[in-house]
């Protein structure tokens, strides 16, 4: 998925959806780390991509939460 489309999708997600997506990506990152120890990985750039994706999701999640607090 292109970065712009991914960002747009994250903007449209609710807090619960973002939390679920963050958990999924964190599990993917854990699996990649596990595979790097037990087997050979062809593309080590996946580590960086997944870490950035987690950070991006958590940023949008924090923004959504702060907007919700401001409305209360």
Protein backbone atom coordinates (compact mmCIF):
# COMPACT_ATOMS: atom_id res chain seq x y z
CA UNK A 1 0.00 0.00 0.00
CA UNK A 2 1.33 3.42 -0.86
CA UNK A 3 2.24 5.64 2.06
CA UNK A 4 -0.35 8.33 1.27
CA UNK A 5 -3.14 5.76 1.02
CA UNK A 6 -1.98 4.14 4.24
CA UNK A 7 -1.98 7.47 6.07
CA UNK A 8 -5.46 8.26 4.78
CA UNK A 9 -6.69 4.86 5.96
CA UNK A 10 -5.22 5.48 9.43
CA UNK A 11 -6.91 8.88 9.62
CA UNK A 12 -10.29 7.32 8.94
CA UNK A 13 -9.90 4.55 11.54
CA UNK A 14 -11.42 4.76 15.00
CA UNK A 15 -9.39 4.48 18.19
CA UNK A 16 -10.27 0.81 18.65
CA UNK A 17 -9.36 0.01 15.04
CA UNK A 18 -6.02 1.78 15.42
CA UNK A 19 -5.29 -0.12 18.62
CA UNK A 20 -6.09 -3.40 16.87
CA UNK A 21 -3.94 -2.47 13.87
CA UNK A 22 -1.03 -1.50 16.15
CA UNK A 23 -1.24 -4.89 17.87
CA UNK A 24 -1.23 -6.66 14.50
CA UNK A 25 1.83 -4.79 13.25
CA UNK A 26 3.64 -5.35 16.56
CA UNK A 27 2.96 -9.09 16.22
CA UNK A 28 4.34 -8.98 12.67
CA UNK A 29 7.47 -7.25 13.94
CA UNK A 30 7.85 -9.84 16.70
CA UNK A 31 7.48 -12.64 14.15
CA UNK A 32 10.10 -11.03 11.94
CA UNK A 33 12.49 -10.76 14.90
CA UNK A 34 11.86 -14.40 15.74
CA UNK A 35 12.52 -15.44 12.15
CA UNK A 36 15.74 -13.45 12.07
CA UNK A 37 17.04 -15.52 14.98
CA UNK A 38 15.83 -18.90 13.75
CA UNK A 39 16.11 -18.51 9.97
CA UNK A 40 17.58 -16.34 7.27
CA UNK A 41 15.69 -13.22 6.23
CA UNK A 42 16.01 -11.94 2.67
CA UNK A 43 14.81 -8.39 3.27
CA UNK A 44 16.11 -6.73 6.43
CA UNK A 45 14.48 -3.44 5.46
CA UNK A 46 11.21 -4.91 6.75
CA UNK A 47 12.38 -4.16 10.30
CA UNK A 48 12.59 -0.45 9.57
CA UNK A 49 9.32 -0.42 7.64
CA UNK A 50 7.39 -2.15 10.41
CA UNK A 51 8.89 0.04 13.15
CA UNK A 52 7.92 3.15 11.22
CA UNK A 53 4.44 1.77 10.63
CA UNK A 54 3.99 1.15 14.36
CA UNK A 55 5.17 4.68 15.13
CA UNK A 56 2.82 6.13 12.53
CA UNK A 57 -0.16 4.22 13.92
CA UNK A 58 0.67 5.24 17.49
CA UNK A 59 0.94 8.87 16.39
CA UNK A 60 -2.53 8.82 14.83
CA UNK A 61 -3.83 7.00 17.89
CA UNK A 62 -2.44 9.69 20.19
CA UNK A 63 -3.97 12.42 18.01
CA UNK A 64 -7.38 10.76 18.11
CA UNK A 65 -7.21 10.32 21.87
CA UNK A 66 -6.23 13.94 22.44
CA UNK A 67 -9.12 15.10 20.24
CA UNK A 68 -11.52 12.96 22.26
CA UNK A 69 -10.21 14.42 25.53
CA UNK A 70 -10.62 17.94 24.17
CA UNK A 71 -14.27 17.31 23.32
CA UNK A 72 -15.14 15.99 26.76
